[in-house]
Amino acid sequence: MGILFKTHGTFCSGLIQELIQTILPPALESGEKQKTKFGLFVMDDMVEFLGPDLLGPLYVEIAKKIISYCNSQTAAVR
């Protein structure tokens, strides 16, 4: 995902909406370590490679969501 965002970020608006609305919420709410890590990796790639220019107001929301996992009880998620 990161390479796609890095090289073709301007073409990813549909993918971003699908991720935010459909894929990431159940992954992050599942409570499963692997699904949570997947969600965090995708969100990190979004923040790193798309930035505020392409994400707009979602940039701050996604960054806050990532930061909320800093105090996770699961070391692999922190």
PDB file of N, CA and C in Angstrom:
ATOM      1  N   MET A   1       0.820  -1.184   0.000  1.00  0.00           N
ATOM      2  CA  MET A   1       0.000   0.000   0.000  1.00  0.00           C
ATOM      3  C   MET A   1       0.865   1.249   0.000  1.00  0.00           C
ATOM      4  N   GLY A   2       1.924   1.219   0.782  1.00  0.00           N
ATOM      5  CA  GLY A   2       2.776   2.387   0.894  1.00  0.00           C
ATOM      6  C   GLY A   2       3.353   2.811  -0.442  1.00  0.00           C
ATOM      7  N   ILE A   3       3.828   1.846  -1.232  1.00  0.00           N
ATOM      8  CA  ILE A   3       4.398   2.171  -2.540  1.00  0.00           C
ATOM      9  C   ILE A   3       3.329   2.733  -3.458  1.00  0.00           C
ATOM     10  N   LEU A   4       2.129   2.192  -3.393  1.00  0.00           N
ATOM     11  CA  LEU A   4       1.022   2.716  -4.198  1.00  0.00           C
ATOM     12  C   LEU A   4       0.721   4.161  -3.810  1.00  0.00           C
ATOM     13  N   PHE A   5       0.638   4.420  -2.522  1.00  0.00           N
ATOM     14  CA  PHE A   5       0.393   5.789  -2.056  1.00  0.00           C
ATOM     15  C   PHE A   5       1.545   6.714  -2.441  1.00  0.00           C
ATOM     16  N   LYS A   6       2.764   6.208  -2.344  1.00  0.00           N
ATOM     17  CA  LYS A   6       3.943   7.031  -2.622  1.00  0.00           C
ATOM     18  C   LYS A   6       4.038   7.391  -4.105  1.00  0.00           C
ATOM     19  N   THR A   7       3.771   6.423  -4.972  1.00  0.00           N
ATOM     20  CA  THR A   7       3.983   6.649  -6.395  1.00  0.00           C
ATOM     21  C   THR A   7       2.739   7.134  -7.141  1.00  0.00           C
ATOM     22  N   HIS A   8       1.549   6.804  -6.631  1.00  0.00           N
ATOM     23  CA  HIS A   8       0.314   7.143  -7.342  1.00  0.00           C
ATOM     24  C   HIS A   8      -0.741   7.738  -6.409  1.00  0.00           C
ATOM     25  N   GLY A   9      -0.300   8.505  -5.435  1.00  0.00           N
ATOM     26  CA  GLY A   9      -1.196   9.044  -4.425  1.00  0.00           C
ATOM     27  C   GLY A   9      -2.369   9.829  -4.975  1.00  0.00           C
ATOM     28  N   THR A  10      -2.137  10.575  -6.040  1.00  0.00           N
ATOM     29  CA  THR A  10      -3.219  11.401  -6.597  1.00  0.00           C
ATOM     30  C   THR A  10      -4.331  10.565  -7.230  1.00  0.00           C
ATOM     31  N   PHE A  11      -4.053   9.301  -7.509  1.00  0.00           N
ATOM     32  CA  PHE A  11      -5.056   8.425  -8.111  1.00  0.00           C
ATOM     33  C   PHE A  11      -5.754   7.528  -7.093  1.00  0.00           C
ATOM     34  N   CYS A  12      -5.480   7.714  -5.818  1.00  0.00           N
ATOM     35  CA  CYS A  12      -5.949   6.799  -4.779  1.00  0.00           C
ATOM     36  C   CYS A  12      -7.169   7.282  -4.007  1.00  0.00           C
ATOM     37  N   SER A  13      -7.845   8.312  -4.455  1.00  0.00           N
ATOM     38  CA  SER A  13      -8.951   8.860  -3.658  1.00  0.00           C
ATOM     39  C   SER A  13     -10.060   7.827  -3.425  1.00  0.00           C
ATOM     40  N   GLY A  14     -10.398   7.043  -4.430  1.00  0.00           N
ATOM     41  CA  GLY A  14     -11.419   6.007  -4.249  1.00  0.00           C
ATOM     42  C   GLY A  14     -10.975   4.931  -3.273  1.00  0.00           C
ATOM     43  N   LEU A  15      -9.725   4.539  -3.376  1.00  0.00           N
ATOM     44  CA  LEU A  15      -9.163   3.544  -2.462  1.00  0.00           C
ATOM     45  C   LEU A  15      -9.137   4.063  -1.037  1.00  0.00           C
ATOM     46  N   ILE A  16      -8.772   5.313  -0.873  1.00  0.00           N
ATOM     47  CA  ILE A  16      -8.721   5.920   0.464  1.00  0.00           C
ATOM     48  C   ILE A  16     -10.105   5.902   1.106  1.00  0.00           C
ATOM     49  N   GLN A  17     -11.116   6.282   0.354  1.00  0.00           N
ATOM     50  CA  GLN A  17     -12.484   6.283   0.886  1.00  0.00           C
ATOM     51  C   GLN A  17     -12.926   4.883   1.263  1.00  0.00           C
ATOM     52  N   GLU A  18     -12.606   3.894   0.421  1.00  0.00           N
ATOM     53  CA  GLU A  18     -12.960   2.504   0.705  1.00  0.00           C
ATOM     54  C   GLU A  18     -12.254   2.019   1.971  1.00  0.00           C
ATOM     55  N   LEU A  19     -10.995   2.352   2.116  1.00  0.00           N
ATOM     56  CA  LEU A  19     -10.248   1.961   3.309  1.00  0.00           C
ATOM     57  C   LEU A  19     -10.857   2.576   4.558  1.00  0.00           C
ATOM     58  N   ILE A  20     -11.126   3.858   4.515  1.00  0.00           N
ATOM     59  CA  ILE A  20     -11.608   4.573   5.695  1.00  0.00           C
ATOM     60  C   ILE A  20     -13.032   4.166   6.063  1.00  0.00           C
ATOM     61  N   GLN A  21     -13.874   3.946   5.079  1.00  0.00           N
ATOM     62  CA  GLN A  21     -15.277   3.662   5.360  1.00  0.00           C
ATOM     63  C   GLN A  21     -15.569   2.183   5.587  1.00  0.00           C
ATOM     64  N   THR A  22     -14.838   1.297   4.901  1.00  0.00           N
ATOM     65  CA  THR A  22     -15.213  -0.114   4.912  1.00  0.00           C
ATOM     66  C   THR A  22     -14.196  -1.046   5.553  1.00  0.00           C
ATOM     67  N   ILE A  23     -12.934  -0.849   5.251  1.00  0.00           N
ATOM     68  CA  ILE A  23     -11.924  -1.839   5.633  1.00  0.00           C
ATOM     69  C   ILE A  23     -11.290  -1.563   6.994  1.00  0.00           C
ATOM     70  N   LEU A  24     -10.882  -0.336   7.240  1.00  0.00           N
ATOM     71  CA  LEU A  24     -10.163  -0.035   8.485  1.00  0.00           C
ATOM     72  C   LEU A  24     -11.019  -0.120   9.754  1.00  0.00           C
ATOM     73  N   PRO A  25     -12.255   0.382   9.763  1.00  0.00           N
ATOM     74  CA  PRO A  25     -13.021   0.305  11.024  1.00  0.00           C
ATOM     75  C   PRO A  25     -13.159  -1.104  11.600  1.00  0.00           C
ATOM     76  N   PRO A  26     -13.569  -2.108  10.807  1.00  0.00           N
ATOM     77  CA  PRO A  26     -13.662  -3.450  11.405  1.00  0.00           C
ATOM     78  C   PRO A  26     -12.311  -4.028  11.807  1.00  0.00           C
ATOM     79  N   ALA A  27     -11.266  -3.687  11.046  1.00  0.00           N
ATOM     80  CA  ALA A  27      -9.931  -4.191  11.388  1.00  0.00           C
ATOM     81  C   ALA A  27      -9.479  -3.637  12.731  1.00  0.00           C
ATOM     82  N   LEU A  28      -9.696  -2.344  12.948  1.00  0.00           N
ATOM     83  CA  LEU A  28      -9.252  -1.712  14.190  1.00  0.00           C
ATOM     84  C   LEU A  28     -10.142  -2.056  15.375  1.00  0.00           C
ATOM     85  N   GLU A  29     -11.407  -2.327  15.127  1.00  0.00           N
ATOM     86  CA  GLU A  29     -12.340  -2.628  16.209  1.00  0.00           C
ATOM     87  C   GLU A  29     -12.391  -4.113  16.555  1.00  0.00           C
ATOM     88  N   SER A  30     -11.702  -4.940  15.793  1.00  0.00           N
ATOM     89  CA  SER A  30     -11.765  -6.381  16.001  1.00  0.00           C
ATOM     90  C   SER A  30     -11.116  -6.824  17.309  1.00  0.00           C
ATOM     91  N   GLY A  31     -10.115  -6.071  17.755  1.00  0.00           N
ATOM     92  CA  GLY A  31      -9.388  -6.472  18.956  1.00  0.00           C
ATOM     93  C   GLY A  31      -8.322  -7.523  18.674  1.00  0.00           C
ATOM     94  N   GLU A  32      -8.205  -7.945  17.424  1.00  0.00           N
ATOM     95  CA  GLU A  32      -7.187  -8.924  17.049  1.00  0.00           C
ATOM     96  C   GLU A  32      -5.888  -8.206  16.702  1.00  0.00           C
ATOM     97  N   LYS A  33      -4.799  -8.716  17.261  1.00  0.00           N
ATOM     98  CA  LYS A  33      -3.501  -8.051  17.099  1.00  0.00           C
ATOM     99  C   LYS A  33      -3.131  -7.879  15.623  1.00  0.00           C
ATOM    100  N   GLN A  34      -3.265  -8.928  14.823  1.00  0.00           N
ATOM    101  CA  GLN A  34      -2.844  -8.855  13.419  1.00  0.00           C
ATOM    102  C   GLN A  34      -3.680  -7.864  12.622  1.00  0.00           C
ATOM    103  N   LYS A  35      -4.988  -7.838  12.863  1.00  0.00           N
ATOM    104  CA  LYS A  35      -5.855  -6.906  12.147  1.00  0.00           C
ATOM    105  C   LYS A  35      -5.589  -5.471  12.573  1.00  0.00           C
ATOM    106  N   THR A  36      -5.335  -5.282  13.846  1.00  0.00           N
ATOM    107  CA  THR A  36      -5.009  -3.945  14.345  1.00  0.00           C
ATOM    108  C   THR A  36      -3.700  -3.457  13.743  1.00  0.00           C
ATOM    109  N   LYS A  37      -2.698  -4.325  13.696  1.00  0.00           N
ATOM    110  CA  LYS A  37      -1.424  -3.951  13.094  1.00  0.00           C
ATOM    111  C   LYS A  37      -1.595  -3.607  11.620  1.00  0.00           C
ATOM    112  N   PHE A  38      -2.414  -4.381  10.908  1.00  0.00           N
ATOM    113  CA  PHE A  38      -2.688  -4.085   9.505  1.00  0.00           C
ATOM    114  C   PHE A  38      -3.261  -2.677   9.360  1.00  0.00           C
ATOM    115  N   GLY A  39      -4.266  -2.372  10.168  1.00  0.00           N
ATOM    116  CA  GLY A  39      -4.892  -1.052  10.120  1.00  0.00           C
ATOM    117  C   GLY A  39      -3.904   0.063  10.413  1.00  0.00           C
ATOM    118  N   LEU A  40      -3.075  -0.149  11.405  1.00  0.00           N
ATOM    119  CA  LEU A  40      -2.082   0.861  11.765  1.00  0.00           C
ATOM    120  C   LEU A  40      -1.041   1.045  10.663  1.00  0.00           C
ATOM    121  N   PHE A  41      -0.602  -0.037  10.050  1.00  0.00           N
ATOM    122  CA  PHE A  41       0.373   0.069   8.961  1.00  0.00           C
ATOM    123  C   PHE A  41      -0.210   0.846   7.782  1.00  0.00           C
ATOM    124  N   VAL A  42      -1.465   0.553   7.439  1.00  0.00           N
ATOM    125  CA  VAL A  42      -2.103   1.255   6.326  1.00  0.00           C
ATOM    126  C   VAL A  42      -2.266   2.736   6.654  1.00  0.00           C
ATOM    127  N   MET A  43      -2.738   3.031   7.861  1.00  0.00           N
ATOM    128  CA  MET A  43      -2.913   4.433   8.243  1.00  0.00           C
ATOM    129  C   MET A  43      -1.568   5.166   8.283  1.00  0.00           C
ATOM    130  N   ASP A  44      -0.532   4.495   8.764  1.00  0.00           N
ATOM    131  CA  ASP A  44       0.796   5.106   8.787  1.00  0.00           C
ATOM    132  C   ASP A  44       1.265   5.433   7.373  1.00  0.00           C
ATOM    133  N   ASP A  45       1.055   4.515   6.430  1.00  0.00           N
ATOM    134  CA  ASP A  45       1.420   4.768   5.041  1.00  0.00           C
ATOM    135  C   ASP A  45       0.624   5.938   4.466  1.00  0.00           C
ATOM    136  N   MET A  46      -0.638   6.039   4.850  1.00  0.00           N
ATOM    137  CA  MET A  46      -1.463   7.147   4.368  1.00  0.00           C
ATOM    138  C   MET A  46      -0.904   8.482   4.854  1.00  0.00           C
ATOM    139  N   VAL A  47      -0.597   8.553   6.138  1.00  0.00           N
ATOM    140  CA  VAL A  47      -0.074   9.795   6.711  1.00  0.00           C
ATOM    141  C   VAL A  47       1.301  10.116   6.120  1.00  0.00           C
ATOM    142  N   GLU A  48       2.152   9.106   6.001  1.00  0.00           N
ATOM    143  CA  GLU A  48       3.518   9.335   5.523  1.00  0.00           C
ATOM    144  C   GLU A  48       3.567   9.741   4.057  1.00  0.00           C
ATOM    145  N   PHE A  49       2.840   9.028   3.201  1.00  0.00           N
ATOM    146  CA  PHE A  49       3.001   9.235   1.764  1.00  0.00           C
ATOM    147  C   PHE A  49       1.957  10.156   1.132  1.00  0.00           C
ATOM    148  N   LEU A  50       0.779  10.254   1.720  1.00  0.00           N
ATOM    149  CA  LEU A  50      -0.247  11.118   1.128  1.00  0.00           C
ATOM    150  C   LEU A  50      -0.232  12.508   1.741  1.00  0.00           C
ATOM    151  N   GLY A  51       0.027  12.564   3.049  1.00  0.00           N
ATOM    152  CA  GLY A  51       0.145  13.844   3.736  1.00  0.00           C
ATOM    153  C   GLY A  51      -1.124  14.660   3.750  1.00  0.00           C
ATOM    154  N   PRO A  52      -1.051  15.854   4.319  1.00  0.00           N
ATOM    155  CA  PRO A  52      -2.237  16.702   4.448  1.00  0.00           C
ATOM    156  C   PRO A  52      -2.746  17.233   3.117  1.00  0.00           C
ATOM    157  N   ASP A  53      -1.887  17.308   2.116  1.00  0.00           N
ATOM    158  CA  ASP A  53      -2.335  17.809   0.816  1.00  0.00           C
ATOM    159  C   ASP A  53      -3.385  16.908   0.187  1.00  0.00           C
ATOM    160  N   LEU A  54      -3.180  15.596   0.257  1.00  0.00           N
ATOM    161  CA  LEU A  54      -4.120  14.664  -0.357  1.00  0.00           C
ATOM    162  C   LEU A  54      -5.199  14.177   0.604  1.00  0.00           C
ATOM    163  N   LEU A  55      -4.884  14.127   1.891  1.00  0.00           N
ATOM    164  CA  LEU A  55      -5.870  13.632   2.860  1.00  0.00           C
ATOM    165  C   LEU A  55      -6.779  14.734   3.390  1.00  0.00           C
ATOM    166  N   GLY A  56      -6.321  15.956   3.323  1.00  0.00           N
ATOM    167  CA  GLY A  56      -7.119  17.071   3.830  1.00  0.00           C
ATOM    168  C   GLY A  56      -7.394  16.914   5.317  1.00  0.00           C
ATOM    169  N   PRO A  57      -8.662  17.108   5.738  1.00  0.00           N
ATOM    170  CA  PRO A  57      -8.991  17.023   7.158  1.00  0.00           C
ATOM    171  C   PRO A  57      -8.836  15.605   7.736  1.00  0.00           C
ATOM    172  N   LEU A  58      -8.797  14.601   6.871  1.00  0.00           N
ATOM    173  CA  LEU A  58      -8.601  13.229   7.352  1.00  0.00           C
ATOM    174  C   LEU A  58      -7.205  13.024   7.919  1.00  0.00           C
ATOM    175  N   TYR A  59      -6.266  13.844   7.479  1.00  0.00           N
ATOM    176  CA  TYR A  59      -4.884  13.716   7.929  1.00  0.00           C
ATOM    177  C   TYR A  59      -4.794  13.774   9.453  1.00  0.00           C
ATOM    178  N   VAL A  60      -5.411  14.774  10.055  1.00  0.00           N
ATOM    179  CA  VAL A  60      -5.366  14.933  11.514  1.00  0.00           C
ATOM    180  C   VAL A  60      -6.128  13.802  12.193  1.00  0.00           C
ATOM    181  N   GLU A  61      -7.273  13.419  11.655  1.00  0.00           N
ATOM    182  CA  GLU A  61      -8.054  12.329  12.247  1.00  0.00           C
ATOM    183  C   GLU A  61      -7.264  11.028  12.256  1.00  0.00           C
ATOM    184  N   ILE A  62      -6.625  10.715  11.135  1.00  0.00           N
ATOM    185  CA  ILE A  62      -5.848   9.474  11.039  1.00  0.00           C
ATOM    186  C   ILE A  62      -4.645   9.524  11.973  1.00  0.00           C
ATOM    187  N   ALA A  63      -3.956  10.650  12.018  1.00  0.00           N
ATOM    188  CA  ALA A  63      -2.803  10.781  12.915  1.00  0.00           C
ATOM    189  C   ALA A  63      -3.219  10.605  14.371  1.00  0.00           C
ATOM    190  N   LYS A  64      -4.351  11.195  14.772  1.00  0.00           N
ATOM    191  CA  LYS A  64      -4.839  11.032  16.145  1.00  0.00           C
ATOM    192  C   LYS A  64      -5.189   9.579  16.437  1.00  0.00           C
ATOM    193  N   LYS A  65      -5.760   8.891  15.451  1.00  0.00           N
ATOM    194  CA  LYS A  65      -6.112   7.478  15.643  1.00  0.00           C
ATOM    195  C   LYS A  65      -4.844   6.643  15.848  1.00  0.00           C
ATOM    196  N   ILE A  66      -3.826   6.922  15.075  1.00  0.00           N
ATOM    197  CA  ILE A  66      -2.552   6.207  15.235  1.00  0.00           C
ATOM    198  C   ILE A  66      -1.977   6.469  16.627  1.00  0.00           C
ATOM    199  N   ILE A  67      -1.967   7.722  17.036  1.00  0.00           N
ATOM    200  CA  ILE A  67      -1.418   8.094  18.339  1.00  0.00           C
ATOM    201  C   ILE A  67      -2.185   7.435  19.474  1.00  0.00           C
ATOM    202  N   SER A  68      -3.467   7.188  19.286  1.00  0.00           N
ATOM    203  CA  SER A  68      -4.273   6.576  20.344  1.00  0.00           C
ATOM    204  C   SER A  68      -3.807   5.161  20.690  1.00  0.00           C
ATOM    205  N   TYR A  69      -3.037   4.543  19.817  1.00  0.00           N
ATOM    206  CA  TYR A  69      -2.536   3.191  20.080  1.00  0.00           C
ATOM    207  C   TYR A  69      -1.180   3.199  20.785  1.00  0.00           C
ATOM    208  N   CYS A  70      -0.646   4.368  21.092  1.00  0.00           N
ATOM    209  CA  CYS A  70       0.660   4.455  21.751  1.00  0.00           C
ATOM    210  C   CYS A  70       0.670   3.816  23.136  1.00  0.00           C
ATOM    211  N   ASN A  71      -0.461   3.751  23.788  1.00  0.00           N
ATOM    212  CA  ASN A  71      -0.518   3.167  25.132  1.00  0.00           C
ATOM    213  C   ASN A  71      -1.230   1.815  25.137  1.00  0.00           C
ATOM    214  N   SER A  72      -1.200   1.121  24.007  1.00  0.00           N
ATOM    215  CA  SER A  72      -1.836  -0.182  23.900  1.00  0.00           C
ATOM    216  C   SER A  72      -1.176  -1.189  24.854  1.00  0.00           C
ATOM    217  N   GLN A  73      -1.977  -2.059  25.387  1.00  0.00           N
ATOM    218  CA  GLN A  73      -1.452  -3.129  26.252  1.00  0.00           C
ATOM    219  C   GLN A  73      -0.638  -4.138  25.453  1.00  0.00           C
ATOM    220  N   THR A  74      -0.869  -4.203  24.161  1.00  0.00           N
ATOM    221  CA  THR A  74      -0.152  -5.146  23.286  1.00  0.00           C
ATOM    222  C   THR A  74       1.105  -4.474  22.751  1.00  0.00           C
ATOM    223  N   ALA A  75       2.248  -4.990  23.103  1.00  0.00           N
ATOM    224  CA  ALA A  75       3.520  -4.380  22.706  1.00  0.00           C
ATOM    225  C   ALA A  75       3.667  -4.299  21.194  1.00  0.00           C
ATOM    226  N   ALA A  76       3.206  -5.293  20.470  1.00  0.00           N
ATOM    227  CA  ALA A  76       3.344  -5.313  19.019  1.00  0.00           C
ATOM    228  C   ALA A  76       2.527  -4.226  18.348  1.00  0.00           C
ATOM    229  N   VAL A  77       1.522  -3.728  19.020  1.00  0.00           N
ATOM    230  CA  VAL A  77       0.667  -2.676  18.467  1.00  0.00           C
ATOM    231  C   VAL A  77       1.227  -1.298  18.779  1.00  0.00           C
ATOM    232  N   ARG A  78       1.926  -1.163  19.902  1.00  0.00           N
ATOM    233  CA  ARG A  78       2.501   0.133  20.284  1.00  0.00           C
ATOM    234  C   ARG A  78       3.512   0.539  19.282  1.00  0.00           C
TER     235      ARG A  78
END
